[in-house]
Amino acid sequence: YLYLVLLLSFCSLTLAAQEKVQLPEIAKELKQMRDEDQKLRNK
């Protein structure tokens, strides 16, 4: 029961964080683009 409560709380926090920005998918894509940029440049 405790695990279920924690899981639901985590999901709620995640959804709340996503709701704070209007374009969460674009935000995710920008991070992926940045990670690729830095990986190649560092190498």
PDB file of all heavy atoms in Angstrom:
ATOM      1  N   TYR A   1       0.837  -1.201   0.000  1.00  0.00           N
ATOM      2  CA  TYR A   1       0.000   0.000   0.000  1.00  0.00           C
ATOM      3  C   TYR A   1       0.876   1.256   0.000  1.00  0.00           C
ATOM      4  O   TYR A   1       0.616   2.222  -0.731  1.00  0.00           O
ATOM      5  CB  TYR A   1      -0.905  -0.014   1.231  1.00  0.00           C
ATOM      6  CG  TYR A   1      -1.754   1.233   1.369  1.00  0.00           C
ATOM      7  CD1 TYR A   1      -2.872   1.424   0.553  1.00  0.00           C
ATOM      8  CD2 TYR A   1      -1.423   2.213   2.289  1.00  0.00           C
ATOM      9  CE1 TYR A   1      -3.638   2.568   0.663  1.00  0.00           C
ATOM     10  CE2 TYR A   1      -2.179   3.361   2.398  1.00  0.00           C
ATOM     11  CZ  TYR A   1      -3.299   3.539   1.582  1.00  0.00           C
ATOM     12  OH  TYR A   1      -4.049   4.665   1.695  1.00  0.00           O
ATOM     13  N   LEU A   2       1.947   1.213   0.831  1.00  0.00           N
ATOM     14  CA  LEU A   2       2.844   2.356   0.910  1.00  0.00           C
ATOM     15  C   LEU A   2       3.527   2.594  -0.437  1.00  0.00           C
ATOM     16  O   LEU A   2       3.686   3.740  -0.885  1.00  0.00           O
ATOM     17  CB  LEU A   2       3.891   2.113   2.004  1.00  0.00           C
ATOM     18  CG  LEU A   2       4.948   3.224   2.204  1.00  0.00           C
ATOM     19  CD1 LEU A   2       4.270   4.541   2.586  1.00  0.00           C
ATOM     20  CD2 LEU A   2       5.953   2.813   3.287  1.00  0.00           C
ATOM     21  N   TYR A   3       3.939   1.504  -1.080  1.00  0.00           N
ATOM     22  CA  TYR A   3       4.590   1.614  -2.385  1.00  0.00           C
ATOM     23  C   TYR A   3       3.642   2.247  -3.405  1.00  0.00           C
ATOM     24  O   TYR A   3       4.048   3.111  -4.193  1.00  0.00           O
ATOM     25  CB  TYR A   3       5.007   0.220  -2.858  1.00  0.00           C
ATOM     26  CG  TYR A   3       5.533   0.206  -4.277  1.00  0.00           C
ATOM     27  CD1 TYR A   3       6.821   0.649  -4.577  1.00  0.00           C
ATOM     28  CD2 TYR A   3       4.710  -0.231  -5.325  1.00  0.00           C
ATOM     29  CE1 TYR A   3       7.288   0.648  -5.883  1.00  0.00           C
ATOM     30  CE2 TYR A   3       5.163  -0.228  -6.631  1.00  0.00           C
ATOM     31  CZ  TYR A   3       6.457   0.209  -6.906  1.00  0.00           C
ATOM     32  OH  TYR A   3       6.921   0.194  -8.188  1.00  0.00           O
ATOM     33  N   LEU A   4       2.356   1.838  -3.350  1.00  0.00           N
ATOM     34  CA  LEU A   4       1.368   2.371  -4.286  1.00  0.00           C
ATOM     35  C   LEU A   4       1.165   3.864  -4.060  1.00  0.00           C
ATOM     36  O   LEU A   4       1.076   4.642  -5.011  1.00  0.00           O
ATOM     37  CB  LEU A   4       0.041   1.625  -4.112  1.00  0.00           C
ATOM     38  CG  LEU A   4      -1.105   2.092  -5.028  1.00  0.00           C
ATOM     39  CD1 LEU A   4      -0.717   1.905  -6.490  1.00  0.00           C
ATOM     40  CD2 LEU A   4      -2.388   1.305  -4.715  1.00  0.00           C
ATOM     41  N   VAL A   5       1.121   4.282  -2.791  1.00  0.00           N
ATOM     42  CA  VAL A   5       0.951   5.701  -2.457  1.00  0.00           C
ATOM     43  C   VAL A   5       2.130   6.509  -2.984  1.00  0.00           C
ATOM     44  O   VAL A   5       1.966   7.572  -3.585  1.00  0.00           O
ATOM     45  CB  VAL A   5       0.805   5.889  -0.931  1.00  0.00           C
ATOM     46  CG1 VAL A   5       0.889   7.374  -0.564  1.00  0.00           C
ATOM     47  CG2 VAL A   5      -0.512   5.302  -0.452  1.00  0.00           C
ATOM     48  N   LEU A   6       3.357   5.981  -2.759  1.00  0.00           N
ATOM     49  CA  LEU A   6       4.557   6.681  -3.231  1.00  0.00           C
ATOM     50  C   LEU A   6       4.587   6.771  -4.750  1.00  0.00           C
ATOM     51  O   LEU A   6       4.978   7.799  -5.314  1.00  0.00           O
ATOM     52  CB  LEU A   6       5.817   5.969  -2.719  1.00  0.00           C
ATOM     53  CG  LEU A   6       6.074   6.069  -1.209  1.00  0.00           C
ATOM     54  CD1 LEU A   6       7.245   5.168  -0.813  1.00  0.00           C
ATOM     55  CD2 LEU A   6       6.359   7.513  -0.807  1.00  0.00           C
ATOM     56  N   LEU A   7       4.177   5.678  -5.407  1.00  0.00           N
ATOM     57  CA  LEU A   7       4.169   5.665  -6.866  1.00  0.00           C
ATOM     58  C   LEU A   7       3.186   6.692  -7.411  1.00  0.00           C
ATOM     59  O   LEU A   7       3.504   7.437  -8.340  1.00  0.00           O
ATOM     60  CB  LEU A   7       3.799   4.261  -7.363  1.00  0.00           C
ATOM     61  CG  LEU A   7       3.741   4.091  -8.893  1.00  0.00           C
ATOM     62  CD1 LEU A   7       5.112   4.380  -9.499  1.00  0.00           C
ATOM     63  CD2 LEU A   7       3.274   2.684  -9.254  1.00  0.00           C
ATOM     64  N   LEU A   8       1.993   6.730  -6.805  1.00  0.00           N
ATOM     65  CA  LEU A   8       0.992   7.704  -7.253  1.00  0.00           C
ATOM     66  C   LEU A   8       1.459   9.135  -6.998  1.00  0.00           C
ATOM     67  O   LEU A   8       1.230  10.032  -7.816  1.00  0.00           O
ATOM     68  CB  LEU A   8      -0.338   7.445  -6.525  1.00  0.00           C
ATOM     69  CG  LEU A   8      -1.079   6.167  -6.937  1.00  0.00           C
ATOM     70  CD1 LEU A   8      -2.274   5.928  -6.020  1.00  0.00           C
ATOM     71  CD2 LEU A   8      -1.545   6.266  -8.396  1.00  0.00           C
ATOM     72  N   SER A   9       2.139   9.328  -5.871  1.00  0.00           N
ATOM     73  CA  SER A   9       2.649  10.672  -5.555  1.00  0.00           C
ATOM     74  C   SER A   9       3.695  11.090  -6.573  1.00  0.00           C
ATOM     75  O   SER A   9       3.718  12.240  -7.036  1.00  0.00           O
ATOM     76  CB  SER A   9       3.262  10.687  -4.146  1.00  0.00           C
ATOM     77  OG  SER A   9       2.281  10.391  -3.186  1.00  0.00           O
ATOM     78  N   PHE A  10       4.575  10.132  -6.920  1.00  0.00           N
ATOM     79  CA  PHE A  10       5.622  10.431  -7.905  1.00  0.00           C
ATOM     80  C   PHE A  10       5.004  10.767  -9.255  1.00  0.00           C
ATOM     81  O   PHE A  10       5.423  11.732  -9.920  1.00  0.00           O
ATOM     82  CB  PHE A  10       6.559   9.224  -8.041  1.00  0.00           C
ATOM     83  CG  PHE A  10       7.592   9.382  -9.125  1.00  0.00           C
ATOM     84  CD1 PHE A  10       8.719  10.178  -8.922  1.00  0.00           C
ATOM     85  CD2 PHE A  10       7.426   8.745 -10.363  1.00  0.00           C
ATOM     86  CE1 PHE A  10       9.660  10.335  -9.929  1.00  0.00           C
ATOM     87  CE2 PHE A  10       8.361   8.903 -11.357  1.00  0.00           C
ATOM     88  CZ  PHE A  10       9.482   9.694 -11.146  1.00  0.00           C
ATOM     89  N   CYS A  11       4.029   9.992  -9.662  1.00  0.00           N
ATOM     90  CA  CYS A  11       3.355  10.244 -10.941  1.00  0.00           C
ATOM     91  C   CYS A  11       2.685  11.611 -10.950  1.00  0.00           C
ATOM     92  O   CYS A  11       2.716  12.328 -11.944  1.00  0.00           O
ATOM     93  CB  CYS A  11       2.327   9.152 -11.219  1.00  0.00           C
ATOM     94  SG  CYS A  11       3.070   7.544 -11.584  1.00  0.00           S
ATOM     95  N   SER A  12       2.081  11.958  -9.806  1.00  0.00           N
ATOM     96  CA  SER A  12       1.413  13.254  -9.710  1.00  0.00           C
ATOM     97  C   SER A  12       2.411  14.396  -9.835  1.00  0.00           C
ATOM     98  O   SER A  12       2.162  15.390 -10.511  1.00  0.00           O
ATOM     99  CB  SER A  12       0.678  13.371  -8.372  1.00  0.00           C
ATOM    100  OG  SER A  12      -0.329  12.392  -8.283  1.00  0.00           O
ATOM    101  N   LEU A  13       3.587  14.223  -9.171  1.00  0.00           N
ATOM    102  CA  LEU A  13       4.620  15.248  -9.254  1.00  0.00           C
ATOM    103  C   LEU A  13       5.156  15.371 -10.666  1.00  0.00           C
ATOM    104  O   LEU A  13       5.427  16.464 -11.158  1.00  0.00           O
ATOM    105  CB  LEU A  13       5.767  14.919  -8.289  1.00  0.00           C
ATOM    106  CG  LEU A  13       5.461  15.093  -6.796  1.00  0.00           C
ATOM    107  CD1 LEU A  13       6.601  14.522  -5.949  1.00  0.00           C
ATOM    108  CD2 LEU A  13       5.233  16.560  -6.462  1.00  0.00           C
ATOM    109  N   THR A  14       5.334  14.230 -11.340  1.00  0.00           N
ATOM    110  CA  THR A  14       5.837  14.239 -12.714  1.00  0.00           C
ATOM    111  C   THR A  14       4.866  14.958 -13.635  1.00  0.00           C
ATOM    112  O   THR A  14       5.255  15.783 -14.467  1.00  0.00           O
ATOM    113  CB  THR A  14       6.060  12.798 -13.214  1.00  0.00           C
ATOM    114  OG1 THR A  14       6.990  12.149 -12.352  1.00  0.00           O
ATOM    115  CG2 THR A  14       6.609  12.806 -14.644  1.00  0.00           C
ATOM    116  N   LEU A  15       3.576  14.626 -13.494  1.00  0.00           N
ATOM    117  CA  LEU A  15       2.560  15.280 -14.321  1.00  0.00           C
ATOM    118  C   LEU A  15       2.492  16.772 -14.036  1.00  0.00           C
ATOM    119  O   LEU A  15       2.344  17.592 -14.948  1.00  0.00           O
ATOM    120  CB  LEU A  15       1.194  14.636 -14.063  1.00  0.00           C
ATOM    121  CG  LEU A  15       1.016  13.224 -14.615  1.00  0.00           C
ATOM    122  CD1 LEU A  15      -0.290  12.623 -14.100  1.00  0.00           C
ATOM    123  CD2 LEU A  15       1.032  13.228 -16.146  1.00  0.00           C
ATOM    124  N   ALA A  16       2.638  17.114 -12.760  1.00  0.00           N
ATOM    125  CA  ALA A  16       2.597  18.534 -12.392  1.00  0.00           C
ATOM    126  C   ALA A  16       3.765  19.279 -13.011  1.00  0.00           C
ATOM    127  O   ALA A  16       3.621  20.406 -13.490  1.00  0.00           O
ATOM    128  CB  ALA A  16       2.636  18.675 -10.871  1.00  0.00           C
ATOM    129  N   ALA A  17       4.948  18.614 -13.003  1.00  0.00           N
ATOM    130  CA  ALA A  17       6.130  19.246 -13.598  1.00  0.00           C
ATOM    131  C   ALA A  17       5.932  19.459 -15.089  1.00  0.00           C
ATOM    132  O   ALA A  17       6.325  20.482 -15.656  1.00  0.00           O
ATOM    133  CB  ALA A  17       7.365  18.380 -13.342  1.00  0.00           C
ATOM    134  N   GLN A  18       5.327  18.456 -15.746  1.00  0.00           N
ATOM    135  CA  GLN A  18       5.083  18.570 -17.170  1.00  0.00           C
ATOM    136  C   GLN A  18       4.079  19.671 -17.482  1.00  0.00           C
ATOM    137  O   GLN A  18       4.181  20.363 -18.491  1.00  0.00           O
ATOM    138  CB  GLN A  18       4.589  17.233 -17.719  1.00  0.00           C
ATOM    139  CG  GLN A  18       5.674  16.157 -17.749  1.00  0.00           C
ATOM    140  CD  GLN A  18       5.147  14.832 -18.250  1.00  0.00           C
ATOM    141  OE1 GLN A  18       3.932  14.610 -18.291  1.00  0.00           O
ATOM    142  NE2 GLN A  18       6.039  13.943 -18.634  1.00  0.00           N
ATOM    143  N   GLU A  19       3.107  19.831 -16.571  1.00  0.00           N
ATOM    144  CA  GLU A  19       2.080  20.844 -16.798  1.00  0.00           C
ATOM    145  C   GLU A  19       2.629  22.262 -16.635  1.00  0.00           C
ATOM    146  O   GLU A  19       2.038  23.226 -17.105  1.00  0.00           O
ATOM    147  CB  GLU A  19       0.917  20.620 -15.814  1.00  0.00           C
ATOM    148  CG  GLU A  19       0.086  19.389 -16.179  1.00  0.00           C
ATOM    149  CD  GLU A  19      -0.946  19.076 -15.109  1.00  0.00           C
ATOM    150  OE1 GLU A  19      -0.971  19.823 -14.106  1.00  0.00           O
ATOM    151  OE2 GLU A  19      -1.702  18.123 -15.269  1.00  0.00           O
ATOM    152  N   LYS A  20       3.787  22.384 -15.976  1.00  0.00           N
ATOM    153  CA  LYS A  20       4.377  23.699 -15.773  1.00  0.00           C
ATOM    154  C   LYS A  20       4.892  24.299 -17.070  1.00  0.00           C
ATOM    155  O   LYS A  20       5.065  25.500 -17.158  1.00  0.00           O
ATOM    156  CB  LYS A  20       5.502  23.614 -14.741  1.00  0.00           C
ATOM    157  CG  LYS A  20       5.019  23.384 -13.316  1.00  0.00           C
ATOM    158  CD  LYS A  20       6.193  23.336 -12.367  1.00  0.00           C
ATOM    159  CE  LYS A  20       5.717  23.081 -10.942  1.00  0.00           C
ATOM    160  NZ  LYS A  20       6.870  23.008  -9.997  1.00  0.00           N
ATOM    161  N   VAL A  21       5.201  23.455 -18.033  1.00  0.00           N
ATOM    162  CA  VAL A  21       5.644  23.963 -19.326  1.00  0.00           C
ATOM    163  C   VAL A  21       4.582  23.626 -20.368  1.00  0.00           C
ATOM    164  O   VAL A  21       3.885  22.610 -20.271  1.00  0.00           O
ATOM    165  CB  VAL A  21       7.013  23.372 -19.737  1.00  0.00           C
ATOM    166  CG1 VAL A  21       8.076  23.741 -18.721  1.00  0.00           C
ATOM    167  CG2 VAL A  21       6.947  21.871 -19.931  1.00  0.00           C
ATOM    168  N   GLN A  22       4.493  24.479 -21.367  1.00  0.00           N
ATOM    169  CA  GLN A  22       3.451  24.305 -22.379  1.00  0.00           C
ATOM    170  C   GLN A  22       3.820  23.278 -23.453  1.00  0.00           C
ATOM    171  O   GLN A  22       2.934  22.701 -24.092  1.00  0.00           O
ATOM    172  CB  GLN A  22       3.156  25.659 -23.033  1.00  0.00           C
ATOM    173  CG  GLN A  22       2.637  26.700 -22.059  1.00  0.00           C
ATOM    174  CD  GLN A  22       2.535  28.069 -22.691  1.00  0.00           C
ATOM    175  OE1 GLN A  22       2.291  28.196 -23.888  1.00  0.00           O
ATOM    176  NE2 GLN A  22       2.717  29.108 -21.891  1.00  0.00           N
ATOM    177  N   LEU A  23       5.129  23.065 -23.645  1.00  0.00           N
ATOM    178  CA  LEU A  23       5.574  22.167 -24.714  1.00  0.00           C
ATOM    179  C   LEU A  23       6.558  21.122 -24.171  1.00  0.00           C
ATOM    180  O   LEU A  23       7.747  21.134 -24.483  1.00  0.00           O
ATOM    181  CB  LEU A  23       6.244  22.974 -25.834  1.00  0.00           C
ATOM    182  CG  LEU A  23       5.397  24.069 -26.491  1.00  0.00           C
ATOM    183  CD1 LEU A  23       6.258  24.908 -27.428  1.00  0.00           C
ATOM    184  CD2 LEU A  23       4.229  23.451 -27.249  1.00  0.00           C
ATOM    185  N   PRO A  24       6.067  20.199 -23.350  1.00  0.00           N
ATOM    186  CA  PRO A  24       6.971  19.212 -22.727  1.00  0.00           C
ATOM    187  C   PRO A  24       7.697  18.330 -23.735  1.00  0.00           C
ATOM    188  O   PRO A  24       8.852  17.955 -23.519  1.00  0.00           O
ATOM    189  CB  PRO A  24       6.037  18.383 -21.839  1.00  0.00           C
ATOM    190  CG  PRO A  24       4.669  18.611 -22.399  1.00  0.00           C
ATOM    191  CD  PRO A  24       4.667  20.002 -22.922  1.00  0.00           C
ATOM    192  N   GLU A  25       7.054  17.999 -24.856  1.00  0.00           N
ATOM    193  CA  GLU A  25       7.708  17.151 -25.853  1.00  0.00           C
ATOM    194  C   GLU A  25       8.845  17.898 -26.554  1.00  0.00           C
ATOM    195  O   GLU A  25       9.894  17.327 -26.843  1.00  0.00           O
ATOM    196  CB  GLU A  25       6.687  16.654 -26.886  1.00  0.00           C
ATOM    197  CG  GLU A  25       5.684  15.666 -26.319  1.00  0.00           C
ATOM    198  CD  GLU A  25       6.371  14.457 -25.683  1.00  0.00           C
ATOM    199  OE1 GLU A  25       7.310  13.916 -26.319  1.00  0.00           O
ATOM    200  OE2 GLU A  25       5.988  14.078 -24.569  1.00  0.00           O
ATOM    201  N   ILE A  26       8.629  19.182 -26.808  1.00  0.00           N
ATOM    202  CA  ILE A  26       9.684  20.005 -27.396  1.00  0.00           C
ATOM    203  C   ILE A  26      10.843  20.141 -26.406  1.00  0.00           C
ATOM    204  O   ILE A  26      12.014  20.092 -26.782  1.00  0.00           O
ATOM    205  CB  ILE A  26       9.161  21.404 -27.789  1.00  0.00           C
ATOM    206  CG1 ILE A  26       8.087  21.289 -28.884  1.00  0.00           C
ATOM    207  CG2 ILE A  26      10.306  22.292 -28.251  1.00  0.00           C
ATOM    208  CD1 ILE A  26       8.598  20.736 -30.194  1.00  0.00           C
ATOM    209  N   ALA A  27      10.507  20.298 -25.129  1.00  0.00           N
ATOM    210  CA  ALA A  27      11.532  20.390 -24.086  1.00  0.00           C
ATOM    211  C   ALA A  27      12.403  19.133 -24.079  1.00  0.00           C
ATOM    212  O   ALA A  27      13.638  19.206 -24.000  1.00  0.00           O
ATOM    213  CB  ALA A  27      10.881  20.586 -22.718  1.00  0.00           C
ATOM    214  N   LYS A  28      11.752  17.991 -24.195  1.00  0.00           N
ATOM    215  CA  LYS A  28      12.481  16.724 -24.223  1.00  0.00           C
ATOM    216  C   LYS A  28      13.357  16.627 -25.465  1.00  0.00           C
ATOM    217  O   LYS A  28      14.521  16.183 -25.409  1.00  0.00           O
ATOM    218  CB  LYS A  28      11.470  15.564 -24.195  1.00  0.00           C
ATOM    219  CG  LYS A  28      12.101  14.188 -24.176  1.00  0.00           C
ATOM    220  CD  LYS A  28      11.032  13.107 -24.121  1.00  0.00           C
ATOM    221  CE  LYS A  28      11.653  11.718 -24.140  1.00  0.00           C
ATOM    222  NZ  LYS A  28      10.587  10.663 -24.111  1.00  0.00           N
ATOM    223  N   GLU A  29      12.838  17.053 -26.584  1.00  0.00           N
ATOM    224  CA  GLU A  29      13.584  17.006 -27.838  1.00  0.00           C
ATOM    225  C   GLU A  29      14.819  17.926 -27.783  1.00  0.00           C
ATOM    226  O   GLU A  29      15.899  17.560 -28.264  1.00  0.00           O
ATOM    227  CB  GLU A  29      12.677  17.416 -28.998  1.00  0.00           C
ATOM    228  CG  GLU A  29      13.304  17.227 -30.364  1.00  0.00           C
ATOM    229  CD  GLU A  29      12.351  17.573 -31.490  1.00  0.00           C
ATOM    230  OE1 GLU A  29      11.195  17.965 -31.207  1.00  0.00           O
ATOM    231  OE2 GLU A  29      12.773  17.467 -32.662  1.00  0.00           O
ATOM    232  N   LEU A  30      14.658  19.098 -27.195  1.00  0.00           N
ATOM    233  CA  LEU A  30      15.779  20.025 -27.085  1.00  0.00           C
ATOM    234  C   LEU A  30      16.898  19.438 -26.229  1.00  0.00           C
ATOM    235  O   LEU A  30      18.083  19.639 -26.520  1.00  0.00           O
ATOM    236  CB  LEU A  30      15.310  21.354 -26.491  1.00  0.00           C
ATOM    237  CG  LEU A  30      14.460  22.225 -27.416  1.00  0.00           C
ATOM    238  CD1 LEU A  30      13.843  23.391 -26.641  1.00  0.00           C
ATOM    239  CD2 LEU A  30      15.288  22.752 -28.588  1.00  0.00           C
ATOM    240  N   LYS A  31      16.527  18.714 -25.196  1.00  0.00           N
ATOM    241  CA  LYS A  31      17.547  18.058 -24.362  1.00  0.00           C
ATOM    242  C   LYS A  31      18.289  17.003 -25.166  1.00  0.00           C
ATOM    243  O   LYS A  31      19.519  16.878 -25.077  1.00  0.00           O
ATOM    244  CB  LYS A  31      16.912  17.424 -23.127  1.00  0.00           C
ATOM    245  CG  LYS A  31      17.950  16.768 -22.203  1.00  0.00           C
ATOM    246  CD  LYS A  31      17.313  16.118 -21.004  1.00  0.00           C
ATOM    247  CE  LYS A  31      18.378  15.536 -20.073  1.00  0.00           C
ATOM    248  NZ  LYS A  31      19.286  14.579 -20.736  1.00  0.00           N
ATOM    249  N   GLN A  32      17.566  16.228 -25.954  1.00  0.00           N
ATOM    250  CA  GLN A  32      18.200  15.195 -26.776  1.00  0.00           C
ATOM    251  C   GLN A  32      19.166  15.821 -27.789  1.00  0.00           C
ATOM    252  O   GLN A  32      20.268  15.306 -28.009  1.00  0.00           O
ATOM    253  CB  GLN A  32      17.130  14.371 -27.493  1.00  0.00           C
ATOM    254  CG  GLN A  32      16.289  13.516 -26.559  1.00  0.00           C
ATOM    255  CD  GLN A  32      15.086  12.888 -27.251  1.00  0.00           C
ATOM    256  OE1 GLN A  32      14.663  13.345 -28.319  1.00  0.00           O
ATOM    257  NE2 GLN A  32      14.524  11.863 -26.635  1.00  0.00           N
ATOM    258  N   MET A  33      18.753  16.932 -28.385  1.00  0.00           N
ATOM    259  CA  MET A  33      19.604  17.624 -29.347  1.00  0.00           C
ATOM    260  C   MET A  33      20.867  18.147 -28.673  1.00  0.00           C
ATOM    261  O   MET A  33      21.971  18.030 -29.196  1.00  0.00           O
ATOM    262  CB  MET A  33      18.825  18.774 -29.989  1.00  0.00           C
ATOM    263  CG  MET A  33      17.684  18.303 -30.882  1.00  0.00           C
ATOM    264  SD  MET A  33      16.425  19.575 -31.182  1.00  0.00           S
ATOM    265  CE  MET A  33      17.316  20.735 -32.204  1.00  0.00           C
ATOM    266  N   ARG A  34      20.688  18.701 -27.477  1.00  0.00           N
ATOM    267  CA  ARG A  34      21.841  19.229 -26.739  1.00  0.00           C
ATOM    268  C   ARG A  34      22.783  18.100 -26.349  1.00  0.00           C
ATOM    269  O   ARG A  34      24.010  18.238 -26.439  1.00  0.00           O
ATOM    270  CB  ARG A  34      21.328  19.966 -25.505  1.00  0.00           C
ATOM    271  CG  ARG A  34      22.432  20.561 -24.631  1.00  0.00           C
ATOM    272  CD  ARG A  34      22.749  19.687 -23.450  1.00  0.00           C
ATOM    273  NE  ARG A  34      23.733  20.306 -22.587  1.00  0.00           N
ATOM    274  CZ  ARG A  34      24.444  19.643 -21.693  1.00  0.00           C
ATOM    275  NH1 ARG A  34      24.277  18.328 -21.540  1.00  0.00           N
ATOM    276  NH2 ARG A  34      25.332  20.266 -20.929  1.00  0.00           N
ATOM    277  N   ASP A  35      22.256  16.972 -25.884  1.00  0.00           N
ATOM    278  CA  ASP A  35      23.095  15.849 -25.467  1.00  0.00           C
ATOM    279  C   ASP A  35      23.936  15.333 -26.633  1.00  0.00           C
ATOM    280  O   ASP A  35      25.126  15.021 -26.459  1.00  0.00           O
ATOM    281  CB  ASP A  35      22.232  14.717 -24.909  1.00  0.00           C
ATOM    282  CG  ASP A  35      21.627  15.063 -23.550  1.00  0.00           C
ATOM    283  OD1 ASP A  35      22.057  16.075 -22.957  1.00  0.00           O
ATOM    284  OD2 ASP A  35      20.725  14.335 -23.107  1.00  0.00           O
ATOM    285  N   GLU A  36      23.339  15.239 -27.814  1.00  0.00           N
ATOM    286  CA  GLU A  36      24.075  14.782 -28.995  1.00  0.00           C
ATOM    287  C   GLU A  36      25.164  15.788 -29.359  1.00  0.00           C
ATOM    288  O   GLU A  36      26.299  15.410 -29.687  1.00  0.00           O
ATOM    289  CB  GLU A  36      23.106  14.595 -30.172  1.00  0.00           C
ATOM    290  CG  GLU A  36      23.758  14.142 -31.467  1.00  0.00           C
ATOM    291  CD  GLU A  36      24.256  12.706 -31.420  1.00  0.00           C
ATOM    292  OE1 GLU A  36      24.036  12.024 -30.397  1.00  0.00           O
ATOM    293  OE2 GLU A  36      24.879  12.269 -32.398  1.00  0.00           O
ATOM    294  N   ASP A  37      24.825  17.055 -29.296  1.00  0.00           N
ATOM    295  CA  ASP A  37      25.786  18.124 -29.575  1.00  0.00           C
ATOM    296  C   ASP A  37      27.009  17.988 -28.664  1.00  0.00           C
ATOM    297  O   ASP A  37      28.158  18.002 -29.137  1.00  0.00           O
ATOM    298  CB  ASP A  37      25.098  19.478 -29.361  1.00  0.00           C
ATOM    299  CG  ASP A  37      26.044  20.667 -29.448  1.00  0.00           C
ATOM    300  OD1 ASP A  37      26.935  20.818 -28.581  1.00  0.00           O
ATOM    301  OD2 ASP A  37      25.880  21.464 -30.379  1.00  0.00           O
ATOM    302  N   GLN A  38      26.777  17.866 -27.371  1.00  0.00           N
ATOM    303  CA  GLN A  38      27.875  17.820 -26.420  1.00  0.00           C
ATOM    304  C   GLN A  38      28.685  16.533 -26.514  1.00  0.00           C
ATOM    305  O   GLN A  38      29.912  16.545 -26.367  1.00  0.00           O
ATOM    306  CB  GLN A  38      27.332  17.997 -24.998  1.00  0.00           C
ATOM    307  CG  GLN A  38      26.794  19.396 -24.728  1.00  0.00           C
ATOM    308  CD  GLN A  38      27.860  20.457 -24.872  1.00  0.00           C
ATOM    309  OE1 GLN A  38      28.700  20.628 -23.995  1.00  0.00           O
ATOM    310  NE2 GLN A  38      27.838  21.195 -25.992  1.00  0.00           N
ATOM    311  N   LYS A  39      28.025  15.432 -26.771  1.00  0.00           N
ATOM    312  CA  LYS A  39      28.723  14.156 -26.896  1.00  0.00           C
ATOM    313  C   LYS A  39      29.731  14.207 -28.038  1.00  0.00           C
ATOM    314  O   LYS A  39      30.903  13.827 -27.876  1.00  0.00           O
ATOM    315  CB  LYS A  39      27.716  13.021 -27.129  1.00  0.00           C
ATOM    316  CG  LYS A  39      28.369  11.650 -27.249  1.00  0.00           C
ATOM    317  CD  LYS A  39      27.330  10.563 -27.485  1.00  0.00           C
ATOM    318  CE  LYS A  39      26.767  10.636 -28.894  1.00  0.00           C
ATOM    319  NZ  LYS A  39      25.860   9.494 -29.196  1.00  0.00           N
ATOM    320  N   LEU A  40      29.299  14.688 -29.192  1.00  0.00           N
ATOM    321  CA  LEU A  40      30.174  14.748 -30.355  1.00  0.00           C
ATOM    322  C   LEU A  40      31.282  15.773 -30.162  1.00  0.00           C
ATOM    323  O   LEU A  40      32.440  15.522 -30.516  1.00  0.00           O
ATOM    324  CB  LEU A  40      29.359  15.074 -31.612  1.00  0.00           C
ATOM    325  CG  LEU A  40      28.379  13.990 -32.060  1.00  0.00           C
ATOM    326  CD1 LEU A  40      27.482  14.497 -33.175  1.00  0.00           C
ATOM    327  CD2 LEU A  40      29.140  12.747 -32.521  1.00  0.00           C
ATOM    328  N   ARG A  41      30.947  16.936 -29.607  1.00  0.00           N
ATOM    329  CA  ARG A  41      31.963  17.975 -29.399  1.00  0.00           C
ATOM    330  C   ARG A  41      33.019  17.538 -28.391  1.00  0.00           C
ATOM    331  O   ARG A  41      34.215  17.788 -28.584  1.00  0.00           O
ATOM    332  CB  ARG A  41      31.307  19.274 -28.933  1.00  0.00           C
ATOM    333  CG  ARG A  41      30.940  20.166 -30.095  1.00  0.00           C
ATOM    334  CD  ARG A  41      30.292  21.467 -29.668  1.00  0.00           C
ATOM    335  NE  ARG A  41      30.236  22.377 -30.795  1.00  0.00           N
ATOM    336  CZ  ARG A  41      29.407  22.239 -31.829  1.00  0.00           C
ATOM    337  NH1 ARG A  41      28.558  21.227 -31.858  1.00  0.00           N
ATOM    338  NH2 ARG A  41      29.445  23.096 -32.835  1.00  0.00           N
ATOM    339  N   ASN A  42      32.610  16.921 -27.321  1.00  0.00           N
ATOM    340  CA  ASN A  42      33.568  16.465 -26.318  1.00  0.00           C
ATOM    341  C   ASN A  42      34.518  15.418 -26.889  1.00  0.00           C
ATOM    342  O   ASN A  42      35.717  15.429 -26.599  1.00  0.00           O
ATOM    343  CB  ASN A  42      32.832  15.904 -25.095  1.00  0.00           C
ATOM    344  CG  ASN A  42      32.129  16.992 -24.298  1.00  0.00           C
ATOM    345  OD1 ASN A  42      32.479  18.168 -24.392  1.00  0.00           O
ATOM    346  ND2 ASN A  42      31.138  16.606 -23.516  1.00  0.00           N
ATOM    347  N   LYS A  43      33.990  14.513 -27.704  1.00  0.00           N
ATOM    348  CA  LYS A  43      34.835  13.512 -28.354  1.00  0.00           C
ATOM    349  C   LYS A  43      35.814  14.176 -29.316  1.00  0.00           C
ATOM    350  O   LYS A  43      36.988  13.812 -29.394  1.00  0.00           O
ATOM    351  CB  LYS A  43      33.969  12.504 -29.120  1.00  0.00           C
ATOM    352  CG  LYS A  43      33.249  11.490 -28.243  1.00  0.00           C
ATOM    353  CD  LYS A  43      32.482  10.498 -29.106  1.00  0.00           C
ATOM    354  CE  LYS A  43      31.755   9.463 -28.262  1.00  0.00           C
ATOM    355  NZ  LYS A  43      30.991   8.511 -29.106  1.00  0.00           N
TER     356      LYS A  43
END
